[in-house]
PDB file of N, CA and C in Angstrom:
ATOM      1  N   MET A   1     197.301 261.299   6.752  1.00  0.00           N
ATOM      2  CA  MET A   1     197.346 259.946   6.207  1.00  0.00           C
ATOM      3  C   MET A   1     197.951 260.019   4.832  1.00  0.00           C
ATOM      4  N   GLN A   2     198.828 259.086   4.487  1.00  0.00           N
ATOM      5  CA  GLN A   2     199.475 259.120   3.211  1.00  0.00           C
ATOM      6  C   GLN A   2     198.519 258.801   2.100  1.00  0.00           C
ATOM      7  N   ARG A   3     198.812 259.386   0.919  1.00  0.00           N
ATOM      8  CA  ARG A   3     197.860 259.234  -0.215  1.00  0.00           C
ATOM      9  C   ARG A   3     197.721 257.775  -0.670  1.00  0.00           C
ATOM     10  N   ARG A   4     198.761 256.962  -0.497  1.00  0.00           N
ATOM     11  CA  ARG A   4     198.646 255.552  -0.929  1.00  0.00           C
ATOM     12  C   ARG A   4     197.676 254.761  -0.078  1.00  0.00           C
ATOM     13  N   PHE A   5     197.304 255.277   1.096  1.00  0.00           N
ATOM     14  CA  PHE A   5     196.325 254.594   1.961  1.00  0.00           C
ATOM     15  C   PHE A   5     194.858 255.034   1.711  1.00  0.00           C
ATOM     16  N   ARG A   6     194.660 255.858   0.684  1.00  0.00           N
ATOM     17  CA  ARG A   6     193.305 256.354   0.445  1.00  0.00           C
ATOM     18  C   ARG A   6     192.588 255.651  -0.648  1.00  0.00           C
ATOM     19  N   LEU A   7     191.353 255.397  -0.483  1.00  0.00           N
ATOM     20  CA  LEU A   7     190.454 254.923  -1.561  1.00  0.00           C
ATOM     21  C   LEU A   7     190.045 256.107  -2.376  1.00  0.00           C
ATOM     22  N   ARG A   8     190.178 256.046  -3.698  1.00  0.00           N
ATOM     23  CA  ARG A   8     189.803 257.178  -4.517  1.00  0.00           C
ATOM     24  C   ARG A   8     188.866 256.834  -5.630  1.00  0.00           C
ATOM     25  N   ARG A   9     188.972 255.638  -6.195  1.00  0.00           N
ATOM     26  CA  ARG A   9     188.208 255.247  -7.379  1.00  0.00           C
ATOM     27  C   ARG A   9     186.743 254.908  -6.982  1.00  0.00           C
ATOM     28  N   SER A  10     185.803 255.404  -7.762  1.00  0.00           N
ATOM     29  CA  SER A  10     184.392 255.125  -7.476  1.00  0.00           C
ATOM     30  C   SER A  10     184.131 253.644  -7.562  1.00  0.00           C
ATOM     31  N   GLU A  11     184.812 252.928  -8.435  1.00  0.00           N
ATOM     32  CA  GLU A  11     184.629 251.433  -8.537  1.00  0.00           C
ATOM     33  C   GLU A  11     184.935 250.791  -7.258  1.00  0.00           C
ATOM     34  N   ASP A  12     185.988 251.244  -6.501  1.00  0.00           N
ATOM     35  CA  ASP A  12     186.350 250.648  -5.227  1.00  0.00           C
ATOM     36  C   ASP A  12     185.250 250.903  -4.173  1.00  0.00           C
ATOM     37  N   PHE A  13     184.669 252.067  -4.184  1.00  0.00           N
ATOM     38  CA  PHE A  13     183.610 252.395  -3.257  1.00  0.00           C
ATOM     39  C   PHE A  13     182.367 251.545  -3.577  1.00  0.00           C
ATOM     40  N   GLU A  14     182.080 251.395  -4.853  1.00  0.00           N
ATOM     41  CA  GLU A  14     180.950 250.591  -5.289  1.00  0.00           C
ATOM     42  C   GLU A  14     181.110 249.146  -4.925  1.00  0.00           C
ATOM     43  N   HIS A  15     182.296 248.592  -5.138  1.00  0.00           N
ATOM     44  CA  HIS A  15     182.584 247.193  -4.794  1.00  0.00           C
ATOM     45  C   HIS A  15     182.417 246.994  -3.262  1.00  0.00           C
ATOM     46  N   LEU A  16     182.901 247.931  -2.511  1.00  0.00           N
ATOM     47  CA  LEU A  16     182.797 247.846  -1.070  1.00  0.00           C
ATOM     48  C   LEU A  16     181.341 247.886  -0.667  1.00  0.00           C
ATOM     49  N   ARG A  17     180.534 248.743  -1.310  1.00  0.00           N
ATOM     50  CA  ARG A  17     179.093 248.817  -0.957  1.00  0.00           C
ATOM     51  C   ARG A  17     178.381 247.512  -1.278  1.00  0.00           C
ATOM     52  N   ARG A  18     178.824 246.817  -2.357  1.00  0.00           N
ATOM     53  CA  ARG A  18     178.101 245.613  -2.769  1.00  0.00           C
ATOM     54  C   ARG A  18     178.495 244.417  -1.921  1.00  0.00           C
ATOM     55  N   VAL A  19     179.755 244.229  -1.676  1.00  0.00           N
ATOM     56  CA  VAL A  19     180.230 242.991  -1.050  1.00  0.00           C
ATOM     57  C   VAL A  19     180.829 243.209   0.401  1.00  0.00           C
ATOM     58  N   GLY A  20     180.887 244.442   0.823  1.00  0.00           N
ATOM     59  CA  GLY A  20     181.548 244.702   2.122  1.00  0.00           C
ATOM     60  C   GLY A  20     180.695 244.322   3.328  1.00  0.00           C
ATOM     61  N   ARG A  21     181.409 244.017   4.416  1.00  0.00           N
ATOM     62  CA  ARG A  21     180.772 243.742   5.679  1.00  0.00           C
ATOM     63  C   ARG A  21     180.595 245.077   6.390  1.00  0.00           C
ATOM     64  N   THR A  22     179.449 245.286   7.087  1.00  0.00           N
ATOM     65  CA  THR A  22     179.143 246.572   7.713  1.00  0.00           C
ATOM     66  C   THR A  22     179.040 246.455   9.205  1.00  0.00           C
ATOM     67  N   TYR A  23     179.604 247.451   9.911  1.00  0.00           N
ATOM     68  CA  TYR A  23     179.436 247.525  11.344  1.00  0.00           C
ATOM     69  C   TYR A  23     178.966 248.920  11.668  1.00  0.00           C
ATOM     70  N   GLN A  24     177.915 248.991  12.523  1.00  0.00           N
ATOM     71  CA  GLN A  24     177.236 250.316  12.740  1.00  0.00           C
ATOM     72  C   GLN A  24     177.349 250.748  14.212  1.00  0.00           C
ATOM     73  N   HIS A  25     177.402 252.031  14.301  1.00  0.00           N
ATOM     74  CA  HIS A  25     177.380 252.752  15.584  1.00  0.00           C
ATOM     75  C   HIS A  25     176.427 253.947  15.394  1.00  0.00           C
ATOM     76  N   ARG A  26     175.992 254.514  16.467  1.00  0.00           N
ATOM     77  CA  ARG A  26     175.076 255.629  16.369  1.00  0.00           C
ATOM     78  C   ARG A  26     175.672 256.788  15.594  1.00  0.00           C
ATOM     79  N   THR A  27     176.962 257.001  15.630  1.00  0.00           N
ATOM     80  CA  THR A  27     177.581 258.188  14.997  1.00  0.00           C
ATOM     81  C   THR A  27     178.384 257.830  13.747  1.00  0.00           C
ATOM     82  N   LEU A  28     178.597 256.523  13.467  1.00  0.00           N
ATOM     83  CA  LEU A  28     179.517 256.152  12.382  1.00  0.00           C
ATOM     84  C   LEU A  28     179.180 254.718  11.872  1.00  0.00           C
ATOM     85  N   MET A  29     179.410 254.557  10.599  1.00  0.00           N
ATOM     86  CA  MET A  29     179.237 253.222  10.012  1.00  0.00           C
ATOM     87  C   MET A  29     180.597 252.851   9.399  1.00  0.00           C
ATOM     88  N   LEU A  30     181.024 251.605   9.586  1.00  0.00           N
ATOM     89  CA  LEU A  30     182.278 251.086   9.058  1.00  0.00           C
ATOM     90  C   LEU A  30     181.943 249.951   8.097  1.00  0.00           C
ATOM     91  N   SER A  31     182.454 250.044   6.902  1.00  0.00           N
ATOM     92  CA  SER A  31     182.283 249.027   5.921  1.00  0.00           C
ATOM     93  C   SER A  31     183.660 248.559   5.415  1.00  0.00           C
ATOM     94  N   LEU A  32     183.850 247.253   5.281  1.00  0.00           N
ATOM     95  CA  LEU A  32     185.164 246.748   4.873  1.00  0.00           C
ATOM     96  C   LEU A  32     185.071 245.489   4.065  1.00  0.00           C
ATOM     97  N   THR A  33     186.127 245.287   3.291  1.00  0.00           N
ATOM     98  CA  THR A  33     186.263 244.066   2.490  1.00  0.00           C
ATOM     99  C   THR A  33     187.761 243.847   2.267  1.00  0.00           C
ATOM    100  N   ARG A  34     188.145 242.633   1.992  1.00  0.00           N
ATOM    101  CA  ARG A  34     189.533 242.284   1.721  1.00  0.00           C
ATOM    102  C   ARG A  34     189.957 242.893   0.401  1.00  0.00           C
ATOM    103  N   ASN A  35     191.245 243.267   0.364  1.00  0.00           N
ATOM    104  CA  ASN A  35     191.800 243.674  -0.948  1.00  0.00           C
ATOM    105  C   ASN A  35     193.064 242.792  -1.174  1.00  0.00           C
ATOM    106  N   ASP A  36     193.616 242.874  -2.331  1.00  0.00           N
ATOM    107  CA  ASP A  36     194.805 241.996  -2.649  1.00  0.00           C
ATOM    108  C   ASP A  36     196.120 242.823  -2.513  1.00  0.00           C
ATOM    109  N   LEU A  37     196.111 243.735  -1.592  1.00  0.00           N
ATOM    110  CA  LEU A  37     197.264 244.604  -1.439  1.00  0.00           C
ATOM    111  C   LEU A  37     197.927 244.310  -0.023  1.00  0.00           C
ATOM    112  N   GLN A  38     199.127 244.882   0.097  1.00  0.00           N
ATOM    113  CA  GLN A  38     199.860 244.783   1.380  1.00  0.00           C
ATOM    114  C   GLN A  38     199.350 245.698   2.422  1.00  0.00           C
ATOM    115  N   ASP A  39     198.666 246.756   2.068  1.00  0.00           N
ATOM    116  CA  ASP A  39     198.223 247.815   2.979  1.00  0.00           C
ATOM    117  C   ASP A  39     196.710 247.911   2.995  1.00  0.00           C
ATOM    118  N   ASN A  40     196.220 248.614   4.055  1.00  0.00           N
ATOM    119  CA  ASN A  40     194.812 248.985   4.106  1.00  0.00           C
ATOM    120  C   ASN A  40     194.667 250.275   3.291  1.00  0.00           C
ATOM    121  N   ARG A  41     193.456 250.427   2.714  1.00  0.00           N
ATOM    122  CA  ARG A  41     193.109 251.670   2.065  1.00  0.00           C
ATOM    123  C   ARG A  41     191.857 252.169   2.734  1.00  0.00           C
ATOM    124  N   TYR A  42     191.734 253.477   2.949  1.00  0.00           N
ATOM    125  CA  TYR A  42     190.623 254.076   3.673  1.00  0.00           C
ATOM    126  C   TYR A  42     189.872 255.066   2.827  1.00  0.00           C
ATOM    127  N   GLY A  43     188.553 255.164   3.018  1.00  0.00           N
ATOM    128  CA  GLY A  43     187.717 256.126   2.445  1.00  0.00           C
ATOM    129  C   GLY A  43     186.850 256.754   3.489  1.00  0.00           C
ATOM    130  N   PHE A  44     186.520 257.989   3.357  1.00  0.00           N
ATOM    131  CA  PHE A  44     185.675 258.690   4.366  1.00  0.00           C
ATOM    132  C   PHE A  44     184.573 259.360   3.622  1.00  0.00           C
ATOM    133  N   ILE A  45     183.318 259.102   4.008  1.00  0.00           N
ATOM    134  CA  ILE A  45     182.185 259.706   3.412  1.00  0.00           C
ATOM    135  C   ILE A  45     181.419 260.557   4.449  1.00  0.00           C
ATOM    136  N   VAL A  46     181.358 261.844   4.145  1.00  0.00           N
ATOM    137  CA  VAL A  46     180.633 262.802   4.996  1.00  0.00           C
ATOM    138  C   VAL A  46     179.692 263.561   4.089  1.00  0.00           C
ATOM    139  N   SER A  47     178.384 263.201   4.138  1.00  0.00           N
ATOM    140  CA  SER A  47     177.443 263.780   3.166  1.00  0.00           C
ATOM    141  C   SER A  47     177.060 265.189   3.522  1.00  0.00           C
ATOM    142  N   LYS A  48     176.472 265.847   2.511  1.00  0.00           N
ATOM    143  CA  LYS A  48     176.056 267.244   2.663  1.00  0.00           C
ATOM    144  C   LYS A  48     174.958 267.405   3.704  1.00  0.00           C
ATOM    145  N   GLY A  49     174.253 266.335   4.011  1.00  0.00           N
ATOM    146  CA  GLY A  49     173.223 266.399   5.048  1.00  0.00           C
ATOM    147  C   GLY A  49     173.735 266.647   6.462  1.00  0.00           C
ATOM    148  N   LEU A  50     175.053 266.513   6.648  1.00  0.00           N
ATOM    149  CA  LEU A  50     175.616 266.712   7.943  1.00  0.00           C
ATOM    150  C   LEU A  50     175.926 268.155   8.251  1.00  0.00           C
ATOM    151  N   GLY A  51     175.942 269.018   7.238  1.00  0.00           N
ATOM    152  CA  GLY A  51     176.186 270.425   7.462  1.00  0.00           C
ATOM    153  C   GLY A  51     176.933 271.087   6.341  1.00  0.00           C
ATOM    154  N   LYS A  52     177.386 272.263   6.575  1.00  0.00           N
ATOM    155  CA  LYS A  52     178.119 273.022   5.617  1.00  0.00           C
ATOM    156  C   LYS A  52     179.536 272.500   5.472  1.00  0.00           C
ATOM    157  N   ALA A  53     180.316 273.031   4.517  1.00  0.00           N
ATOM    158  CA  ALA A  53     181.599 272.510   4.184  1.00  0.00           C
ATOM    159  C   ALA A  53     182.561 272.492   5.362  1.00  0.00           C
ATOM    160  N   VAL A  54     182.559 273.544   6.194  1.00  0.00           N
ATOM    161  CA  VAL A  54     183.502 273.604   7.296  1.00  0.00           C
ATOM    162  C   VAL A  54     183.231 272.438   8.267  1.00  0.00           C
ATOM    163  N   THR A  55     181.959 272.192   8.506  1.00  0.00           N
ATOM    164  CA  THR A  55     181.592 271.094   9.428  1.00  0.00           C
ATOM    165  C   THR A  55     181.986 269.759   8.842  1.00  0.00           C
ATOM    166  N   ARG A  56     181.655 269.538   7.576  1.00  0.00           N
ATOM    167  CA  ARG A  56     181.993 268.263   6.942  1.00  0.00           C
ATOM    168  C   ARG A  56     183.523 268.051   6.865  1.00  0.00           C
ATOM    169  N   ASN A  57     184.273 269.082   6.502  1.00  0.00           N
ATOM    170  CA  ASN A  57     185.723 268.939   6.484  1.00  0.00           C
ATOM    171  C   ASN A  57     186.345 268.680   7.810  1.00  0.00           C
ATOM    172  N   ARG A  58     185.809 269.300   8.824  1.00  0.00           N
ATOM    173  CA  ARG A  58     186.369 269.070  10.195  1.00  0.00           C
ATOM    174  C   ARG A  58     186.054 267.626  10.593  1.00  0.00           C
ATOM    175  N   THR A  59     184.874 267.129  10.332  1.00  0.00           N
ATOM    176  CA  THR A  59     184.498 265.788  10.663  1.00  0.00           C
ATOM    177  C   THR A  59     185.413 264.786   9.928  1.00  0.00           C
ATOM    178  N   ARG A  60     185.630 265.078   8.635  1.00  0.00           N
ATOM    179  CA  ARG A  60     186.543 264.222   7.851  1.00  0.00           C
ATOM    180  C   ARG A  60     187.935 264.216   8.375  1.00  0.00           C
ATOM    181  N   ARG A  61     188.456 265.402   8.774  1.00  0.00           N
ATOM    182  CA  ARG A  61     189.772 265.479   9.345  1.00  0.00           C
ATOM    183  C   ARG A  61     189.911 264.654  10.654  1.00  0.00           C
ATOM    184  N   LEU A  62     188.913 264.772  11.508  1.00  0.00           N
ATOM    185  CA  LEU A  62     188.899 264.072  12.787  1.00  0.00           C
ATOM    186  C   LEU A  62     188.887 262.539  12.516  1.00  0.00           C
ATOM    187  N   LEU A  63     188.106 262.108  11.582  1.00  0.00           N
ATOM    188  CA  LEU A  63     188.047 260.634  11.280  1.00  0.00           C
ATOM    189  C   LEU A  63     189.402 260.170  10.682  1.00  0.00           C
ATOM    190  N   ARG A  64     189.968 260.978   9.822  1.00  0.00           N
ATOM    191  CA  ARG A  64     191.266 260.616   9.250  1.00  0.00           C
ATOM    192  C   ARG A  64     192.357 260.474  10.348  1.00  0.00           C
ATOM    193  N   GLU A  65     192.351 261.431  11.242  1.00  0.00           N
ATOM    194  CA  GLU A  65     193.339 261.446  12.321  1.00  0.00           C
ATOM    195  C   GLU A  65     193.150 260.251  13.243  1.00  0.00           C
ATOM    196  N   ALA A  66     191.946 259.965  13.609  1.00  0.00           N
ATOM    197  CA  ALA A  66     191.678 258.777  14.497  1.00  0.00           C
ATOM    198  C   ALA A  66     192.134 257.491  13.796  1.00  0.00           C
ATOM    199  N   THR A  67     191.901 257.434  12.519  1.00  0.00           N
ATOM    200  CA  THR A  67     192.305 256.233  11.746  1.00  0.00           C
ATOM    201  C   THR A  67     193.828 256.166  11.600  1.00  0.00           C
ATOM    202  N   ARG A  68     194.440 257.281  11.326  1.00  0.00           N
ATOM    203  CA  ARG A  68     195.879 257.352  11.181  1.00  0.00           C
ATOM    204  C   ARG A  68     196.590 256.865  12.467  1.00  0.00           C
ATOM    205  N   LEU A  69     196.095 257.284  13.629  1.00  0.00           N
ATOM    206  CA  LEU A  69     196.705 256.849  14.864  1.00  0.00           C
ATOM    207  C   LEU A  69     196.553 255.355  15.112  1.00  0.00           C
ATOM    208  N   LEU A  70     195.476 254.773  14.607  1.00  0.00           N
ATOM    209  CA  LEU A  70     195.182 253.382  14.830  1.00  0.00           C
ATOM    210  C   LEU A  70     195.787 252.502  13.731  1.00  0.00           C
ATOM    211  N   HIS A  71     196.160 253.041  12.616  1.00  0.00           N
ATOM    212  CA  HIS A  71     196.629 252.318  11.444  1.00  0.00           C
ATOM    213  C   HIS A  71     197.722 251.263  11.745  1.00  0.00           C
ATOM    214  N   PRO A  72     198.766 251.594  12.514  1.00  0.00           N
ATOM    215  CA  PRO A  72     199.819 250.618  12.733  1.00  0.00           C
ATOM    216  C   PRO A  72     199.345 249.369  13.483  1.00  0.00           C
ATOM    217  N   GLN A  73     198.231 249.460  14.226  1.00  0.00           N
ATOM    218  CA  GLN A  73     197.724 248.360  15.046  1.00  0.00           C
ATOM    219  C   GLN A  73     196.733 247.512  14.289  1.00  0.00           C
ATOM    220  N   LEU A  74     196.418 247.815  13.029  1.00  0.00           N
ATOM    221  CA  LEU A  74     195.433 247.105  12.273  1.00  0.00           C
ATOM    222  C   LEU A  74     196.007 245.995  11.394  1.00  0.00           C
ATOM    223  N   HIS A  75     195.255 244.940  11.164  1.00  0.00           N
ATOM    224  CA  HIS A  75     195.638 243.926  10.274  1.00  0.00           C
ATOM    225  C   HIS A  75     195.633 244.514   8.825  1.00  0.00           C
ATOM    226  N   PRO A  76     196.614 244.219   7.994  1.00  0.00           N
ATOM    227  CA  PRO A  76     196.672 244.774   6.628  1.00  0.00           C
ATOM    228  C   PRO A  76     195.806 244.019   5.654  1.00  0.00           C
ATOM    229  N   GLY A  77     195.567 244.608   4.517  1.00  0.00           N
ATOM    230  CA  GLY A  77     194.866 243.921   3.366  1.00  0.00           C
ATOM    231  C   GLY A  77     193.403 244.179   3.317  1.00  0.00           C
ATOM    232  N   TYR A  78     192.935 245.370   3.757  1.00  0.00           N
ATOM    233  CA  TYR A  78     191.501 245.660   3.736  1.00  0.00           C
ATOM    234  C   TYR A  78     191.253 247.014   3.077  1.00  0.00           C
ATOM    235  N   ASP A  79     190.088 247.109   2.394  1.00  0.00           N
ATOM    236  CA  ASP A  79     189.542 248.390   2.007  1.00  0.00           C
ATOM    237  C   ASP A  79     188.496 248.750   3.040  1.00  0.00           C
ATOM    238  N   ILE A  80     188.576 249.959   3.589  1.00  0.00           N
ATOM    239  CA  ILE A  80     187.708 250.324   4.682  1.00  0.00           C
ATOM    240  C   ILE A  80     187.096 251.703   4.335  1.00  0.00           C
ATOM    241  N   VAL A  81     185.780 251.805   4.553  1.00  0.00           N
ATOM    242  CA  VAL A  81     185.113 253.081   4.371  1.00  0.00           C
ATOM    243  C   VAL A  81     184.369 253.417   5.644  1.00  0.00           C
ATOM    244  N   MET A  82     184.509 254.653   6.072  1.00  0.00           N
ATOM    245  CA  MET A  82     183.766 255.178   7.247  1.00  0.00           C
ATOM    246  C   MET A  82     182.751 256.169   6.720  1.00  0.00           C
ATOM    247  N   ILE A  83     181.491 255.982   7.187  1.00  0.00           N
ATOM    248  CA  ILE A  83     180.393 256.884   6.790  1.00  0.00           C
ATOM    249  C   ILE A  83     179.934 257.597   8.046  1.00  0.00           C
ATOM    250  N   ALA A  84     180.095 258.911   8.054  1.00  0.00           N
ATOM    251  CA  ALA A  84     179.694 259.717   9.215  1.00  0.00           C
ATOM    252  C   ALA A  84     178.181 259.846   9.248  1.00  0.00           C
ATOM    253  N   ARG A  85     177.642 259.826  10.456  1.00  0.00           N
ATOM    254  CA  ARG A  85     176.200 260.083  10.617  1.00  0.00           C
ATOM    255  C   ARG A  85     175.999 261.360  11.406  1.00  0.00           C
ATOM    256  N   LYS A  86     174.819 261.911  11.331  1.00  0.00           N
ATOM    257  CA  LYS A  86     174.494 263.235  11.910  1.00  0.00           C
ATOM    258  C   LYS A  86     174.968 263.399  13.374  1.00  0.00           C
ATOM    259  N   PRO A  87     174.792 262.416  14.269  1.00  0.00           N
ATOM    260  CA  PRO A  87     175.186 262.657  15.666  1.00  0.00           C
ATOM    261  C   PRO A  87     176.667 262.872  15.895  1.00  0.00           C
ATOM    262  N   ILE A  88     177.498 262.617  14.898  1.00  0.00           N
ATOM    263  CA  ILE A  88     178.954 262.821  15.058  1.00  0.00           C
ATOM    264  C   ILE A  88     179.317 264.265  15.083  1.00  0.00           C
ATOM    265  N   ILE A  89     178.457 265.128  14.531  1.00  0.00           N
ATOM    266  CA  ILE A  89     178.730 266.575  14.491  1.00  0.00           C
ATOM    267  C   ILE A  89     178.838 267.129  15.946  1.00  0.00           C
ATOM    268  N   GLY A  90     179.954 267.815  16.189  1.00  0.00           N
ATOM    269  CA  GLY A  90     180.175 268.418  17.509  1.00  0.00           C
ATOM    270  C   GLY A  90     180.792 267.540  18.541  1.00  0.00           C
ATOM    271  N   GLN A  91     181.025 266.266  18.229  1.00  0.00           N
ATOM    272  CA  GLN A  91     181.580 265.343  19.172  1.00  0.00           C
ATOM    273  C   GLN A  91     183.085 265.648  19.332  1.00  0.00           C
ATOM    274  N   PRO A  92     183.631 265.606  20.557  1.00  0.00           N
ATOM    275  CA  PRO A  92     185.062 265.833  20.738  1.00  0.00           C
ATOM    276  C   PRO A  92     185.890 264.680  20.111  1.00  0.00           C
ATOM    277  N   PHE A  93     187.175 265.009  19.836  1.00  0.00           N
ATOM    278  CA  PHE A  93     188.017 264.026  19.170  1.00  0.00           C
ATOM    279  C   PHE A  93     188.118 262.732  19.977  1.00  0.00           C
ATOM    280  N   ALA A  94     188.219 262.803  21.265  1.00  0.00           N
ATOM    281  CA  ALA A  94     188.368 261.615  22.128  1.00  0.00           C
ATOM    282  C   ALA A  94     187.156 260.717  21.927  1.00  0.00           C
ATOM    283  N   GLU A  95     185.958 261.215  21.792  1.00  0.00           N
ATOM    284  CA  GLU A  95     184.771 260.412  21.580  1.00  0.00           C
ATOM    285  C   GLU A  95     184.789 259.763  20.231  1.00  0.00           C
ATOM    286  N   ILE A  96     185.188 260.542  19.179  1.00  0.00           N
ATOM    287  CA  ILE A  96     185.295 259.986  17.813  1.00  0.00           C
ATOM    288  C   ILE A  96     186.288 258.866  17.811  1.00  0.00           C
ATOM    289  N   GLN A  97     187.452 259.099  18.431  1.00  0.00           N
ATOM    290  CA  GLN A  97     188.475 258.081  18.472  1.00  0.00           C
ATOM    291  C   GLN A  97     188.018 256.820  19.194  1.00  0.00           C
ATOM    292  N   ARG A  98     187.289 256.950  20.272  1.00  0.00           N
ATOM    293  CA  ARG A  98     186.735 255.809  21.008  1.00  0.00           C
ATOM    294  C   ARG A  98     185.754 255.018  20.083  1.00  0.00           C
ATOM    295  N   THR A  99     184.958 255.721  19.341  1.00  0.00           N
ATOM    296  CA  THR A  99     184.013 255.071  18.407  1.00  0.00           C
ATOM    297  C   THR A  99     184.754 254.304  17.325  1.00  0.00           C
ATOM    298  N   VAL A 100     185.766 254.921  16.760  1.00  0.00           N
ATOM    299  CA  VAL A 100     186.554 254.295  15.696  1.00  0.00           C
ATOM    300  C   VAL A 100     187.200 252.989  16.240  1.00  0.00           C
ATOM    301  N   VAL A 101     187.806 253.063  17.361  1.00  0.00           N
ATOM    302  CA  VAL A 101     188.446 251.907  18.022  1.00  0.00           C
ATOM    303  C   VAL A 101     187.418 250.807  18.272  1.00  0.00           C
ATOM    304  N   GLU A 102     186.220 251.179  18.737  1.00  0.00           N
ATOM    305  CA  GLU A 102     185.182 250.206  19.027  1.00  0.00           C
ATOM    306  C   GLU A 102     184.765 249.468  17.772  1.00  0.00           C
ATOM    307  N   LEU A 103     184.607 250.245  16.665  1.00  0.00           N
ATOM    308  CA  LEU A 103     184.137 249.622  15.393  1.00  0.00           C
ATOM    309  C   LEU A 103     185.237 248.672  14.847  1.00  0.00           C
ATOM    310  N   PHE A 104     186.477 249.080  14.917  1.00  0.00           N
ATOM    311  CA  PHE A 104     187.537 248.230  14.431  1.00  0.00           C
ATOM    312  C   PHE A 104     187.688 247.009  15.333  1.00  0.00           C
ATOM    313  N   ARG A 105     187.441 247.120  16.579  1.00  0.00           N
ATOM    314  CA  ARG A 105     187.436 245.880  17.493  1.00  0.00           C
ATOM    315  C   ARG A 105     186.326 244.937  17.098  1.00  0.00           C
ATOM    316  N   ARG A 106     185.127 245.515  16.832  1.00  0.00           N
ATOM    317  CA  ARG A 106     184.043 244.653  16.452  1.00  0.00           C
ATOM    318  C   ARG A 106     184.327 243.934  15.143  1.00  0.00           C
ATOM    319  N   ALA A 107     185.058 244.566  14.279  1.00  0.00           N
ATOM    320  CA  ALA A 107     185.429 244.019  12.987  1.00  0.00           C
ATOM    321  C   ALA A 107     186.612 243.066  13.077  1.00  0.00           C
ATOM    322  N   SER A 108     187.206 242.914  14.306  1.00  0.00           N
ATOM    323  CA  SER A 108     188.377 242.052  14.555  1.00  0.00           C
ATOM    324  C   SER A 108     189.553 242.437  13.725  1.00  0.00           C
ATOM    325  N   LEU A 109     189.769 243.762  13.548  1.00  0.00           N
ATOM    326  CA  LEU A 109     190.887 244.204  12.710  1.00  0.00           C
ATOM    327  C   LEU A 109     192.095 244.666  13.541  1.00  0.00           C
ATOM    328  N   ILE A 110     191.912 244.848  14.837  1.00  0.00           N
ATOM    329  CA  ILE A 110     193.017 245.283  15.700  1.00  0.00           C
ATOM    330  C   ILE A 110     193.858 244.079  16.128  1.00  0.00           C
ATOM    331  N   LYS A 111     195.171 244.202  15.883  1.00  0.00           N
ATOM    332  CA  LYS A 111     196.104 243.150  16.272  1.00  0.00           C
ATOM    333  C   LYS A 111     196.204 243.099  17.803  1.00  0.00           C
ATOM    334  N   GLU A 112     196.150 241.904  18.312  1.00  0.00           N
ATOM    335  CA  GLU A 112     196.228 241.766  19.777  1.00  0.00           C
ATOM    336  C   GLU A 112     197.730 241.499  20.112  1.00  0.00           C
ATOM    337  N   GLY A 113     198.206 242.159  21.206  1.00  0.00           N
ATOM    338  CA  GLY A 113     199.530 241.940  21.685  1.00  0.00           C
ATOM    339  C   GLY A 113     200.539 242.870  21.280  1.00  0.00           C
TER     340      GLY A 113
END
């Protein structure tokens, strides 16, 4: 995923936590809010409680890839944060991708047609 699509500033994460809308799944939580930009920006949170660095980094990479593949089909202008939960560890990529699509559908962010 290109750097311009990433959320990096702690103020952006804090704003999203305060005013963002949240959608939950057993393995993942999606939080989003409108931004004043032409593109979506994404953040991925994988806490230390999920495992050691290798496990956390792999989980983060899988979430990034699932989002990257879905990005062209999403409505633009949102800040989006995905927060991984413990049951996501060890899930195959297809299952993670299915979960990401389901959460974006619930949030009505996928363009139809």
